[in-house]
Every structure is written in structure tokens, then in C-alpha cells.
Amino acid sequence: MNSINFDDTPRGRQLQAFNRVLDVMDELREKCPWDRKQTMNSLRHLTIEETYELSDAILREDMPEIKKEIGDIMLHMVFYAKIASEQQTFDIADVLNALCEKLIFRHPHIYGDTTANTEEEVKQNWEKLKLKEGNKSVLGGVPASLPALVKAMRIQEKARGAGFDWDDKSQVWEKVQEELNEFASEFNILDTNTIDHTRATAEFGDLLFSLINFARFIDINPEEALEKTNLKFIDRFKYMEREAAKEGKRLQDMTLTEMDFYWNEAKKQ
């Protein structure tokens, strides 16, 4: 390992820790059969998994777990850069310097003579600068592989950065009501055989998109809101299973009325 001396300041300790990570990565890549075998493609799905694990920890506000998951993702970033350096395409210094240059370029209100006094002005400047970097569309920076709900959020944020947005949240709520009515009109709720699934699917998508838009206007992250509801449902469902098991019952063998009793008890917890 490299014997570089760093001062005993917070920044010095941070640099020492980062240098240690690089040393460990070098050693693992040389000596560990598993680490030697990895490629960018083999790490890709693991990186996605680690990112979701960090997201879970953040939603739970579990700081020890957040620290652990940040470390796991940091390892992957260092790993990718190590593989690239072996291929003589770039190394971690190139990655970090390119990041710094991009941040400086995209913050002319800090490093240049542009004025931006609000978050909205910063976002608008950001999108204009991205177009100067070569993006042909404001929406070009939205990854195609994003989950649909997150992608809808990013599309709407990007469009707003270009000035394409509603003036008031009341207008957005009217749009939600309009899309709800259009979705409902696609089928007779008492006769599901009459549903045109293609059209109903399209209208349901429009309804979701408008709801996500309204959530954005009232500063609610719809992905986070839905995931919290998912977690709440999981907790309550597991409570039902535990309480039923205490009485020697299985949910599969119970009536809906019996299950409702445990569900209401779970809501009180």
C-alpha cells in the first residue's frame, strides 16, 4: 500500500481514506479471483441492486445502513474506474476532474457572471447549458431505462426547465379530474367485457402522468410516496399473518371479514 502522509484535518483524513480505498482496490484486482474476473458488464446489475438498497435505507432513515450502502456504491465507482484504467481509457482522476469541470460549467452563477437567485432559475440555466453540450433535446438527458414513474417525474422537471409548464396547481388539478373522467368513460364499470384495453391503458397512463404532475406542483415526490405506501402495506400484511398464525390460522383459509379484523388492528399499531 502507498505510504502517503496526509495532515490530520477532516479533509486530510478524507483524502487518506480515499487513497486507502484505491490501494485496497488495486490489491483485490491483483490477488482476488472474483475481483480479477469482474467486468463492467458483470458489475452493472450489482450496481443497480446496490442503488436500490441505498434508496431503501434512505426511506427508512437508517443512517448506519445508509453509510454502508454509500460505501458499496463507492466501491463500484472505483471498480469501474480501475477496469477502465487497465484498458487505458481513463482512470479515477479523469473521472473526478471531468466531474469538477462539468459542475463548474453548469454553475456559471457561482463560477461565472450569470445571475440565478432562485432554484428555478438555476434549473433553467442548467437545461440551456446541457443543450450547449450537445443534447439535441431538453428531454435527451432522461435515461430510457428509468422506471416509468421516475421517468415521468424527470420528463416533467425537464419540460419545466424549458418553461413548458402550468401556471398554477389548480390548473393541474383540473387536468387530473379531466383525465379521471376520460379514463372512467372508457368502460362500463358494471360490464368489464366492454373494456377496450388499449384505449383504457392509454387513458390510465394519462391519469397517472397528470397525478405525478400535480404531486410535483405540491412538492410531493410520487415515487417516495408510493414506496412508503408499499412499505406500510407490507408491514400491515405481515402483522395480519403473524396474528393469524398465533391462533393457528392461515390467511388463505380465512374469510375477508376475518382478515379485515386483523387489518384494522394492524392500522392501530
Protein backbone atom coordinates (compact mmCIF):
# COMPACT_ATOMS: atom_id res chain seq x y z
CA MET A 1 0.00 0.00 0.00
CA ASN A 2 1.10 3.57 -0.72
CA SER A 3 2.62 5.37 2.26
CA ILE A 4 1.35 8.87 1.54
CA ASN A 5 1.20 11.20 4.52
CA PHE A 6 -1.91 13.35 4.97
CA ASP A 7 -2.44 16.04 7.60
CA ASP A 8 -4.80 15.38 10.50
CA THR A 9 -7.55 17.72 9.30
CA PRO A 10 -11.03 16.48 8.27
CA ARG A 11 -10.01 16.91 4.59
CA GLY A 12 -6.72 15.16 5.22
CA ARG A 13 -8.48 12.18 6.79
CA GLN A 14 -10.93 12.07 3.89
CA LEU A 15 -8.10 12.02 1.36
CA GLN A 16 -6.32 9.32 3.36
CA ALA A 17 -9.48 7.17 3.39
CA PHE A 18 -9.99 7.61 -0.36
CA ASN A 19 -6.36 6.73 -1.00
CA ARG A 20 -6.84 3.61 1.13
CA VAL A 21 -9.85 2.57 -0.97
CA LEU A 22 -7.75 2.89 -4.13
CA ASP A 23 -4.97 0.81 -2.55
CA VAL A 24 -7.42 -1.92 -1.49
CA MET A 25 -8.97 -1.95 -4.96
CA ASP A 26 -5.55 -2.37 -6.59
CA GLU A 27 -4.72 -5.26 -4.29
CA LEU A 28 -8.06 -7.03 -4.75
CA ARG A 29 -7.91 -6.69 -8.51
CA GLU A 30 -4.46 -8.29 -8.46
CA LYS A 31 -4.95 -11.05 -5.91
CA CYS A 32 -8.66 -11.99 -5.59
CA PRO A 33 -10.02 -14.48 -8.17
CA TRP A 34 -13.53 -12.98 -8.02
CA ASP A 35 -12.37 -9.37 -8.32
CA ARG A 36 -9.99 -10.23 -11.16
CA LYS A 37 -12.84 -11.81 -13.12
CA GLN A 38 -15.21 -8.82 -12.99
CA THR A 39 -16.01 -6.63 -15.99
CA MET A 40 -18.15 -3.52 -16.34
CA ASN A 41 -20.97 -5.67 -17.67
CA SER A 42 -20.76 -8.19 -14.82
CA LEU A 43 -20.86 -5.37 -12.24
CA ARG A 44 -23.73 -3.49 -13.88
CA HIS A 45 -26.65 -5.41 -12.35
CA LEU A 46 -24.94 -5.43 -8.96
CA THR A 47 -24.61 -1.64 -9.09
CA ILE A 48 -28.32 -1.30 -9.82
CA GLU A 49 -29.10 -3.57 -6.86
CA GLU A 50 -26.83 -1.56 -4.54
CA THR A 51 -28.52 1.67 -5.65
CA TYR A 52 -31.94 0.30 -4.71
CA GLU A 53 -30.56 -0.85 -1.36
CA LEU A 54 -29.33 2.69 -0.68
CA SER A 55 -32.76 4.01 -1.65
CA ASP A 56 -34.41 1.61 0.81
CA ALA A 57 -32.08 2.70 3.61
CA ILE A 58 -32.82 6.39 2.91
CA LEU A 59 -36.57 5.79 3.06
CA ARG A 60 -36.11 4.01 6.40
CA GLU A 61 -33.87 6.87 7.60
CA ASP A 62 -31.41 4.18 8.75
CA MET A 63 -28.15 6.14 8.96
CA PRO A 64 -25.82 3.17 9.71
CA GLU A 65 -27.28 1.34 6.70
CA ILE A 66 -27.03 4.48 4.54
CA LYS A 67 -23.33 4.71 5.40
CA LYS A 68 -22.84 1.05 4.47
CA GLU A 69 -24.71 1.35 1.14
CA ILE A 70 -22.84 4.53 0.17
CA GLY A 71 -19.65 2.54 0.71
CA ASP A 72 -20.91 -0.28 -1.52
CA ILE A 73 -21.74 2.15 -4.33
CA MET A 74 -18.40 3.94 -3.86
CA LEU A 75 -16.67 0.59 -4.30
CA HIS A 76 -18.44 0.07 -7.62
CA MET A 77 -17.45 3.52 -8.90
CA VAL A 78 -13.82 2.87 -8.01
CA PHE A 79 -14.08 -0.60 -9.57
CA TYR A 80 -15.35 0.76 -12.91
CA ALA A 81 -12.56 3.33 -13.00
CA LYS A 82 -9.96 0.65 -12.17
CA ILE A 83 -11.16 -1.53 -15.06
CA ALA A 84 -11.07 1.46 -17.41
CA SER A 85 -7.52 2.31 -16.30
CA GLU A 86 -6.44 -1.24 -17.13
CA GLN A 87 -7.91 -0.71 -20.60
CA GLN A 88 -6.01 2.62 -20.75
CA THR A 89 -9.18 4.60 -21.49
CA PHE A 90 -9.45 6.66 -18.29
CA ASP A 91 -8.76 6.44 -14.55
CA ILE A 92 -10.39 7.75 -11.37
CA ALA A 93 -8.54 11.08 -11.65
CA ASP A 94 -10.01 11.61 -15.12
CA VAL A 95 -13.48 10.81 -13.75
CA LEU A 96 -13.23 13.27 -10.86
CA ASN A 97 -11.64 16.05 -12.91
CA ALA A 98 -14.31 15.72 -15.60
CA LEU A 99 -16.96 15.89 -12.88
CA CYS A 100 -15.43 19.07 -11.44
CA GLU A 101 -15.25 20.69 -14.88
CA LYS A 102 -18.90 19.82 -15.57
CA LEU A 103 -20.05 21.21 -12.20
CA ILE A 104 -18.11 24.44 -12.76
CA PHE A 105 -19.51 24.81 -16.29
CA ARG A 106 -23.08 24.19 -15.15
CA HIS A 107 -22.87 26.67 -12.28
CA PRO A 108 -22.00 29.95 -14.04
CA HIS A 109 -23.89 31.78 -11.28
CA ILE A 110 -21.13 30.61 -8.93
CA TYR A 111 -18.07 30.45 -11.20
CA GLY A 112 -19.09 32.98 -13.86
CA ASP A 113 -21.07 36.15 -14.34
CA THR A 114 -24.56 34.63 -14.76
CA THR A 115 -27.23 35.54 -12.23
CA ALA A 116 -29.53 32.94 -10.70
CA ASN A 117 -31.23 33.87 -7.46
CA THR A 118 -33.80 31.06 -7.30
CA GLU A 119 -33.79 27.30 -7.65
CA GLU A 120 -36.00 27.65 -10.75
CA GLU A 121 -33.51 29.96 -12.45
CA VAL A 122 -30.70 27.51 -11.68
CA LYS A 123 -32.65 24.66 -13.30
CA GLN A 124 -33.43 26.74 -16.40
CA ASN A 125 -29.76 27.69 -16.80
CA TRP A 126 -28.83 24.03 -16.30
CA GLU A 127 -31.04 22.88 -19.18
CA LYS A 128 -29.75 25.61 -21.51
CA LEU A 129 -26.17 24.61 -20.77
CA LYS A 130 -26.96 20.95 -21.42
CA LEU A 131 -28.18 21.89 -24.90
CA LYS A 132 -24.88 23.71 -25.48
CA GLU A 133 -23.08 20.49 -24.50
CA GLY A 134 -24.66 18.72 -27.47
CA ASN A 135 -28.04 17.44 -26.30
CA LYS A 136 -30.47 17.86 -29.21
CA SER A 137 -33.48 17.89 -26.90
CA VAL A 138 -34.17 19.07 -23.37
CA LEU A 139 -35.50 15.57 -22.77
CA GLY A 140 -32.37 13.93 -24.15
CA GLY A 141 -30.86 13.55 -20.69
CA VAL A 142 -33.68 11.35 -19.38
CA PRO A 143 -32.36 7.74 -19.30
CA ALA A 144 -34.50 5.39 -21.37
CA SER A 145 -34.18 2.60 -18.78
CA LEU A 146 -35.59 4.60 -15.85
CA PRO A 147 -38.69 3.11 -14.20
CA ALA A 148 -41.76 4.70 -15.78
CA LEU A 149 -42.88 6.62 -12.68
CA VAL A 150 -39.45 8.15 -12.10
CA LYS A 151 -39.12 8.84 -15.82
CA ALA A 152 -42.41 10.77 -15.80
CA MET A 153 -41.09 12.94 -12.96
CA ARG A 154 -37.85 13.67 -14.80
CA ILE A 155 -39.66 14.45 -18.07
CA GLN A 156 -41.90 16.95 -16.32
CA GLU A 157 -38.99 18.56 -14.49
CA LYS A 158 -37.03 18.87 -17.73
CA ALA A 159 -40.01 20.41 -19.54
CA ARG A 160 -40.46 22.88 -16.69
CA GLY A 161 -36.80 23.86 -17.01
CA ALA A 162 -37.54 24.86 -20.61
CA GLY A 163 -40.52 26.96 -19.50
CA PHE A 164 -43.19 24.46 -20.59
CA ASP A 165 -45.40 24.11 -17.53
CA TRP A 166 -48.71 25.01 -15.95
CA ASP A 167 -49.08 28.40 -14.26
CA ASP A 168 -50.99 27.22 -11.21
CA LYS A 169 -51.65 23.97 -9.34
CA SER A 170 -55.41 24.47 -9.73
CA GLN A 171 -54.96 24.03 -13.48
CA VAL A 172 -53.10 20.79 -12.89
CA TRP A 173 -55.85 19.51 -10.60
CA GLU A 174 -58.44 20.29 -13.29
CA LYS A 175 -56.32 18.20 -15.66
CA VAL A 176 -56.32 15.32 -13.16
CA GLN A 177 -60.13 15.47 -12.99
CA GLU A 178 -60.35 15.59 -16.79
CA GLU A 179 -58.09 12.55 -17.19
CA LEU A 180 -60.01 10.66 -14.49
CA ASN A 181 -63.28 11.27 -16.34
CA GLU A 182 -61.75 10.21 -19.64
CA PHE A 183 -60.43 7.02 -18.08
CA ALA A 184 -63.81 6.24 -16.50
CA SER A 185 -65.59 6.84 -19.81
CA GLU A 186 -63.59 4.06 -21.47
CA PHE A 187 -65.61 1.30 -19.78
CA ASN A 188 -68.85 0.45 -18.11
CA ILE A 189 -67.83 -0.36 -14.54
CA LEU A 190 -70.63 -2.96 -14.31
CA ASP A 191 -69.61 -4.76 -17.51
CA THR A 192 -65.87 -5.29 -17.81
CA ASN A 193 -66.32 -7.18 -21.08
CA THR A 194 -66.88 -3.86 -22.85
CA ILE A 195 -63.46 -2.51 -21.96
CA ASP A 196 -61.21 -1.50 -24.85
CA HIS A 197 -57.98 -2.36 -23.04
CA THR A 198 -55.75 -0.47 -25.44
CA ARG A 199 -57.65 2.78 -25.02
CA ALA A 200 -58.21 2.26 -21.29
CA THR A 201 -54.48 1.63 -20.81
CA ALA A 202 -53.67 4.85 -22.65
CA GLU A 203 -56.15 6.84 -20.55
CA PHE A 204 -54.86 5.29 -17.34
CA GLY A 205 -51.35 6.33 -18.33
CA ASP A 206 -52.57 9.88 -18.92
CA LEU A 207 -54.24 9.85 -15.49
CA LEU A 208 -51.06 8.70 -13.76
CA PHE A 209 -49.00 11.28 -15.64
CA SER A 210 -51.34 14.07 -14.53
CA LEU A 211 -51.28 12.86 -10.90
CA ILE A 212 -47.48 12.84 -10.95
CA ASN A 213 -47.60 16.36 -12.36
CA PHE A 214 -49.87 17.52 -9.54
CA ALA A 215 -47.62 15.86 -6.95
CA ARG A 216 -44.69 17.82 -8.38
CA PHE A 217 -46.65 21.07 -8.02
CA ILE A 218 -47.32 20.48 -4.34
CA ASP A 219 -43.76 19.30 -3.69
CA ILE A 220 -44.51 15.60 -3.18
CA ASN A 221 -42.17 13.02 -4.63
CA PRO A 222 -44.60 10.45 -6.07
CA GLU A 223 -42.01 7.66 -6.18
CA GLU A 224 -41.23 8.17 -2.50
CA ALA A 225 -44.93 8.48 -1.60
CA LEU A 226 -45.81 5.24 -3.39
CA GLU A 227 -42.88 3.37 -1.88
CA LYS A 228 -43.85 4.49 1.62
CA THR A 229 -47.36 3.18 0.96
CA ASN A 230 -45.84 -0.10 -0.28
CA LEU A 231 -43.83 -0.42 2.94
CA LYS A 232 -46.89 0.42 5.05
CA PHE A 233 -48.94 -2.24 3.27
CA ILE A 234 -46.16 -4.82 3.74
CA ASP A 235 -45.94 -4.06 7.48
CA ARG A 236 -49.70 -4.39 7.95
CA PHE A 237 -49.96 -7.55 5.87
CA LYS A 238 -47.14 -9.20 7.83
CA TYR A 239 -48.89 -8.19 11.05
CA MET A 240 -52.04 -9.99 9.83
CA GLU A 241 -50.01 -13.10 9.02
CA ARG A 242 -48.33 -13.10 12.46
CA GLU A 243 -51.52 -12.55 14.42
CA ALA A 244 -53.42 -15.18 12.43
CA ALA A 245 -50.57 -17.67 12.95
CA LYS A 246 -50.75 -17.10 16.72
CA GLU A 247 -54.28 -18.53 16.57
CA GLY A 248 -53.26 -21.37 14.29
CA LYS A 249 -54.84 -19.81 11.20
CA ARG A 250 -53.66 -19.08 7.68
CA LEU A 251 -54.87 -16.08 5.70
CA GLN A 252 -55.67 -18.36 2.77
CA ASP A 253 -58.26 -20.18 4.92
CA MET A 254 -59.89 -17.05 6.38
CA THR A 255 -62.84 -15.00 5.14
CA LEU A 256 -62.34 -11.40 4.09
CA THR A 257 -64.28 -10.30 7.18
CA GLU A 258 -61.88 -12.21 9.42
CA MET A 259 -58.88 -10.71 7.64
CA ASP A 260 -60.40 -7.21 7.94
CA PHE A 261 -60.37 -7.60 11.72
CA TYR A 262 -56.59 -8.15 11.75
CA TRP A 263 -56.08 -5.44 9.13
CA ASN A 264 -57.86 -2.86 11.29
CA GLU A 265 -55.78 -3.98 14.28
CA ALA A 266 -52.65 -3.52 12.19
CA LYS A 267 -53.68 0.05 11.31
CA LYS A 268 -53.84 0.87 15.02
CA GLN A 269 -50.23 -0.21 15.57
